[in-house]
Amino acid sequence: MQFGAALLWLAAPFAPALQDATIAVPSGDAEMAAAIAKARGGLPVFFGHATAPGPDEGGYMIKYDLLPGAPAEFIWAEVISHKGDVTIARLLNAPRSAGFTRGLQVSVRDNQVIDWAYWHAGTLVGGATMRVLIARMPAAEARAMLDRFGW
């Protein structure tokens, strides 16, 4: 996957201090490509949880490219429903792209999803791309994020 001048939203409202923080990722970033592949491999299990939540689970989110193509803006959206290969979701970040706003309802195909996350008993499950981005942050900021997510 090519990122071009991609902006990846680090965190959605589950990390209020960073909810609108973005990080540029260079084209061909191997570590990010591996994280996306890992996340995509887990989508069937994620959607199983999202459509039939277990005890102490909630806050199901997906990350996808708001406007496929270059430059990319990968953004978090809260899952409202999922049927077949389509998720109806609500944007969790304030997009930089014109014509979009936080809270806007969107339709996202499974093949557009690059990451997913949800809460289970106070720990964030998933977030493969966030783990890569957090590892690139200054130590104190990274530790705060890791603590917030229960990692």
C-alpha atoms as a PDB file:
ATOM      1  CA  MET A   1       0.000   0.000   0.000  1.00  0.00           C
ATOM      2  CA  GLN A   2       1.310   3.432  -0.922  1.00  0.00           C
ATOM      3  CA  PHE A   3       0.719   6.303   1.473  1.00  0.00           C
ATOM      4  CA  GLY A   4       2.052   9.260  -0.506  1.00  0.00           C
ATOM      5  CA  ALA A   5       1.733  12.261   1.759  1.00  0.00           C
ATOM      6  CA  ALA A   6      -0.652  10.375   4.011  1.00  0.00           C
ATOM      7  CA  LEU A   7      -1.986  11.777   7.238  1.00  0.00           C
ATOM      8  CA  LEU A   8      -2.931   9.150   9.771  1.00  0.00           C
ATOM      9  CA  TRP A   9      -5.098  10.198  12.660  1.00  0.00           C
ATOM     10  CA  LEU A  10      -3.302   8.958  15.730  1.00  0.00           C
ATOM     11  CA  ALA A  11      -6.280   8.657  17.982  1.00  0.00           C
ATOM     12  CA  ALA A  12      -9.991   9.161  18.091  1.00  0.00           C
ATOM     13  CA  PRO A  13     -11.876  10.572  21.090  1.00  0.00           C
ATOM     14  CA  PHE A  14     -10.628   7.723  23.268  1.00  0.00           C
ATOM     15  CA  ALA A  15      -7.497   9.868  23.736  1.00  0.00           C
ATOM     16  CA  PRO A  16      -8.958  13.368  24.161  1.00  0.00           C
ATOM     17  CA  ALA A  17      -5.624  15.173  24.348  1.00  0.00           C
ATOM     18  CA  LEU A  18      -4.660  13.795  20.936  1.00  0.00           C
ATOM     19  CA  GLN A  19      -8.015  13.328  19.240  1.00  0.00           C
ATOM     20  CA  ASP A  20      -7.112  15.598  16.346  1.00  0.00           C
ATOM     21  CA  ALA A  21      -3.402  14.742  16.203  1.00  0.00           C
ATOM     22  CA  THR A  22      -2.191  13.607  12.808  1.00  0.00           C
ATOM     23  CA  ILE A  23       1.127  12.133  11.781  1.00  0.00           C
ATOM     24  CA  ALA A  24       2.498  12.089   8.239  1.00  0.00           C
ATOM     25  CA  VAL A  25       3.652   8.683   7.051  1.00  0.00           C
ATOM     26  CA  PRO A  26       6.006   8.388   4.069  1.00  0.00           C
ATOM     27  CA  SER A  27       5.167   6.395   0.988  1.00  0.00           C
ATOM     28  CA  GLY A  28       6.279   2.786   1.195  1.00  0.00           C
ATOM     29  CA  ASP A  29       6.581   2.703   5.000  1.00  0.00           C
ATOM     30  CA  ALA A  30       7.125  -1.037   5.557  1.00  0.00           C
ATOM     31  CA  GLU A  31       6.222  -1.001   9.252  1.00  0.00           C
ATOM     32  CA  MET A  32       2.901   0.729   8.572  1.00  0.00           C
ATOM     33  CA  ALA A  33       2.133  -1.615   5.663  1.00  0.00           C
ATOM     34  CA  ALA A  34       2.699  -4.601   7.972  1.00  0.00           C
ATOM     35  CA  ALA A  35       0.394  -3.080  10.619  1.00  0.00           C
ATOM     36  CA  ILE A  36      -2.335  -2.561   8.021  1.00  0.00           C
ATOM     37  CA  ALA A  37      -1.967  -6.133   6.781  1.00  0.00           C
ATOM     38  CA  LYS A  38      -2.258  -7.399  10.358  1.00  0.00           C
ATOM     39  CA  ALA A  39      -5.356  -5.279  11.000  1.00  0.00           C
ATOM     40  CA  ARG A  40      -7.027  -6.392   7.781  1.00  0.00           C
ATOM     41  CA  GLY A  41      -6.352 -10.014   8.677  1.00  0.00           C
ATOM     42  CA  GLY A  42      -8.297  -9.501  11.914  1.00  0.00           C
ATOM     43  CA  LEU A  43     -11.342  -7.820  10.338  1.00  0.00           C
ATOM     44  CA  PRO A  44     -13.608 -10.898  10.402  1.00  0.00           C
ATOM     45  CA  VAL A  45     -13.044 -11.337  14.139  1.00  0.00           C
ATOM     46  CA  PHE A  46     -13.463  -7.586  14.751  1.00  0.00           C
ATOM     47  CA  PHE A  47     -16.783  -7.465  12.881  1.00  0.00           C
ATOM     48  CA  GLY A  48     -17.897 -10.541  14.809  1.00  0.00           C
ATOM     49  CA  HIS A  49     -17.405  -8.574  18.031  1.00  0.00           C
ATOM     50  CA  ALA A  50     -18.909  -5.372  16.588  1.00  0.00           C
ATOM     51  CA  THR A  51     -22.103  -7.121  15.495  1.00  0.00           C
ATOM     52  CA  ALA A  52     -22.443  -9.283  18.629  1.00  0.00           C
ATOM     53  CA  PRO A  53     -20.595  -7.519  21.480  1.00  0.00           C
ATOM     54  CA  GLY A  54     -19.319  -9.569  24.361  1.00  0.00           C
ATOM     55  CA  PRO A  55     -19.404  -8.546  28.026  1.00  0.00           C
ATOM     56  CA  ASP A  56     -17.450  -5.357  28.807  1.00  0.00           C
ATOM     57  CA  GLU A  57     -16.999  -4.524  25.099  1.00  0.00           C
ATOM     58  CA  GLY A  58     -17.840  -1.326  23.228  1.00  0.00           C
ATOM     59  CA  GLY A  59     -16.572   1.653  21.291  1.00  0.00           C
ATOM     60  CA  TYR A  60     -16.079  -0.160  17.968  1.00  0.00           C
ATOM     61  CA  MET A  61     -14.088   1.927  15.468  1.00  0.00           C
ATOM     62  CA  ILE A  62     -12.570   1.570  12.026  1.00  0.00           C
ATOM     63  CA  LYS A  63      -9.891   3.638  10.290  1.00  0.00           C
ATOM     64  CA  TYR A  64     -10.075   4.232   6.539  1.00  0.00           C
ATOM     65  CA  ASP A  65      -8.996   6.707   3.848  1.00  0.00           C
ATOM     66  CA  LEU A  66     -11.588   9.469   3.788  1.00  0.00           C
ATOM     67  CA  LEU A  67     -10.762  10.346   0.151  1.00  0.00           C
ATOM     68  CA  PRO A  68      -9.020   7.400  -1.502  1.00  0.00           C
ATOM     69  CA  GLY A  69      -6.066   8.546  -3.545  1.00  0.00           C
ATOM     70  CA  ALA A  70      -3.273  10.999  -2.952  1.00  0.00           C
ATOM     71  CA  PRO A  71      -2.940  12.704  -0.636  1.00  0.00           C
ATOM     72  CA  ALA A  72      -4.569  10.306   1.785  1.00  0.00           C
ATOM     73  CA  GLU A  73      -6.335  11.193   5.026  1.00  0.00           C
ATOM     74  CA  PHE A  74      -6.871   8.117   7.177  1.00  0.00           C
ATOM     75  CA  ILE A  75      -9.520   8.818   9.783  1.00  0.00           C
ATOM     76  CA  TRP A  76     -11.354   6.994  12.595  1.00  0.00           C
ATOM     77  CA  ALA A  77     -15.098   6.335  12.419  1.00  0.00           C
ATOM     78  CA  GLU A  78     -17.442   4.790  15.000  1.00  0.00           C
ATOM     79  CA  VAL A  79     -19.236   1.680  13.765  1.00  0.00           C
ATOM     80  CA  ILE A  80     -22.998   2.086  13.676  1.00  0.00           C
ATOM     81  CA  SER A  81     -23.762  -1.110  11.753  1.00  0.00           C
ATOM     82  CA  HIS A  82     -22.075  -3.689   9.550  1.00  0.00           C
ATOM     83  CA  LYS A  83     -23.763  -5.881   6.952  1.00  0.00           C
ATOM     84  CA  GLY A  84     -22.122  -7.864   4.176  1.00  0.00           C
ATOM     85  CA  ASP A  85     -18.989  -5.901   3.312  1.00  0.00           C
ATOM     86  CA  VAL A  86     -20.307  -2.439   4.223  1.00  0.00           C
ATOM     87  CA  THR A  87     -19.987  -0.534   7.487  1.00  0.00           C
ATOM     88  CA  ILE A  88     -22.152   2.455   8.294  1.00  0.00           C
ATOM     89  CA  ALA A  89     -20.089   4.648  10.593  1.00  0.00           C
ATOM     90  CA  ARG A  90     -19.827   8.145  12.077  1.00  0.00           C
ATOM     91  CA  LEU A  91     -16.604  10.189  11.708  1.00  0.00           C
ATOM     92  CA  LEU A  92     -14.843  10.559  15.053  1.00  0.00           C
ATOM     93  CA  ASN A  93     -12.154  13.067  14.019  1.00  0.00           C
ATOM     94  CA  ALA A  94     -12.532  16.558  12.557  1.00  0.00           C
ATOM     95  CA  PRO A  95     -11.415  15.921   8.957  1.00  0.00           C
ATOM     96  CA  ARG A  96      -8.993  18.263   7.227  1.00  0.00           C
ATOM     97  CA  SER A  97     -10.595  17.484   3.862  1.00  0.00           C
ATOM     98  CA  ALA A  98     -13.243  19.988   2.751  1.00  0.00           C
ATOM     99  CA  GLY A  99     -16.849  18.859   2.798  1.00  0.00           C
ATOM    100  CA  PHE A 100     -16.516  16.524   5.785  1.00  0.00           C
ATOM    101  CA  THR A 101     -17.245  17.128   9.476  1.00  0.00           C
ATOM    102  CA  ARG A 102     -16.913  15.193  12.720  1.00  0.00           C
ATOM    103  CA  GLY A 103     -20.106  13.206  13.244  1.00  0.00           C
ATOM    104  CA  LEU A 104     -20.866  12.809   9.527  1.00  0.00           C
ATOM    105  CA  GLN A 105     -22.323   9.407   8.686  1.00  0.00           C
ATOM    106  CA  VAL A 106     -20.336   7.491   6.064  1.00  0.00           C
ATOM    107  CA  SER A 107     -20.468   4.153   4.262  1.00  0.00           C
ATOM    108  CA  VAL A 108     -17.183   2.208   4.186  1.00  0.00           C
ATOM    109  CA  ARG A 109     -16.435  -1.046   2.362  1.00  0.00           C
ATOM    110  CA  ASP A 110     -14.374  -3.660   4.198  1.00  0.00           C
ATOM    111  CA  ASN A 111     -11.549  -3.389   1.637  1.00  0.00           C
ATOM    112  CA  GLN A 112     -11.152   0.313   2.550  1.00  0.00           C
ATOM    113  CA  VAL A 113     -10.541  -0.386   6.264  1.00  0.00           C
ATOM    114  CA  ILE A 114      -6.887  -0.170   7.339  1.00  0.00           C
ATOM    115  CA  ASP A 115      -7.346  -0.561  11.108  1.00  0.00           C
ATOM    116  CA  TRP A 116      -9.916  -1.232  13.802  1.00  0.00           C
ATOM    117  CA  ALA A 117     -10.178  -0.974  17.572  1.00  0.00           C
ATOM    118  CA  TYR A 118     -12.604  -1.464  20.429  1.00  0.00           C
ATOM    119  CA  TRP A 119     -12.606  -1.423  24.203  1.00  0.00           C
ATOM    120  CA  HIS A 120     -12.711  -4.604  26.254  1.00  0.00           C
ATOM    121  CA  ALA A 121     -12.736  -4.261  30.063  1.00  0.00           C
ATOM    122  CA  GLY A 122     -10.808  -0.979  29.964  1.00  0.00           C
ATOM    123  CA  THR A 123      -8.182  -2.088  27.432  1.00  0.00           C
ATOM    124  CA  LEU A 124      -8.124  -1.077  23.801  1.00  0.00           C
ATOM    125  CA  VAL A 125      -8.046  -4.104  21.503  1.00  0.00           C
ATOM    126  CA  GLY A 126      -6.600  -3.678  17.996  1.00  0.00           C
ATOM    127  CA  GLY A 127      -5.143  -0.346  16.921  1.00  0.00           C
ATOM    128  CA  ALA A 128      -2.297  -1.830  14.870  1.00  0.00           C
ATOM    129  CA  THR A 129      -1.531   1.452  13.079  1.00  0.00           C
ATOM    130  CA  MET A 130      -1.674   3.387  16.359  1.00  0.00           C
ATOM    131  CA  ARG A 131       0.929   1.062  17.851  1.00  0.00           C
ATOM    132  CA  VAL A 132       3.327   1.945  15.021  1.00  0.00           C
ATOM    133  CA  LEU A 133       2.692   5.670  15.424  1.00  0.00           C
ATOM    134  CA  ILE A 134       2.998   5.572  19.205  1.00  0.00           C
ATOM    135  CA  ALA A 135       6.369   3.825  18.938  1.00  0.00           C
ATOM    136  CA  ARG A 136       7.598   6.880  16.960  1.00  0.00           C
ATOM    137  CA  MET A 137       6.516   9.415  19.585  1.00  0.00           C
ATOM    138  CA  PRO A 138       8.724  10.937  22.284  1.00  0.00           C
ATOM    139  CA  ALA A 139       8.970   8.509  25.227  1.00  0.00           C
ATOM    140  CA  ALA A 140       6.820  10.462  27.697  1.00  0.00           C
ATOM    141  CA  GLU A 141       4.009  10.992  25.169  1.00  0.00           C
ATOM    142  CA  ALA A 142       4.168   7.357  24.096  1.00  0.00           C
ATOM    143  CA  ARG A 143       3.988   6.142  27.692  1.00  0.00           C
ATOM    144  CA  ALA A 144       0.908   8.313  28.336  1.00  0.00           C
ATOM    145  CA  MET A 145      -0.828   6.850  25.279  1.00  0.00           C
ATOM    146  CA  LEU A 146       0.126   3.279  26.177  1.00  0.00           C
ATOM    147  CA  ASP A 147      -1.205   3.797  29.698  1.00  0.00           C
ATOM    148  CA  ARG A 148      -4.446   5.337  28.380  1.00  0.00           C
ATOM    149  CA  PHE A 149      -5.062   2.321  26.142  1.00  0.00           C
ATOM    150  CA  GLY A 150      -4.150  -0.243  28.802  1.00  0.00           C
ATOM    151  CA  TRP A 151      -1.144  -1.440  26.797  1.00  0.00           C
END
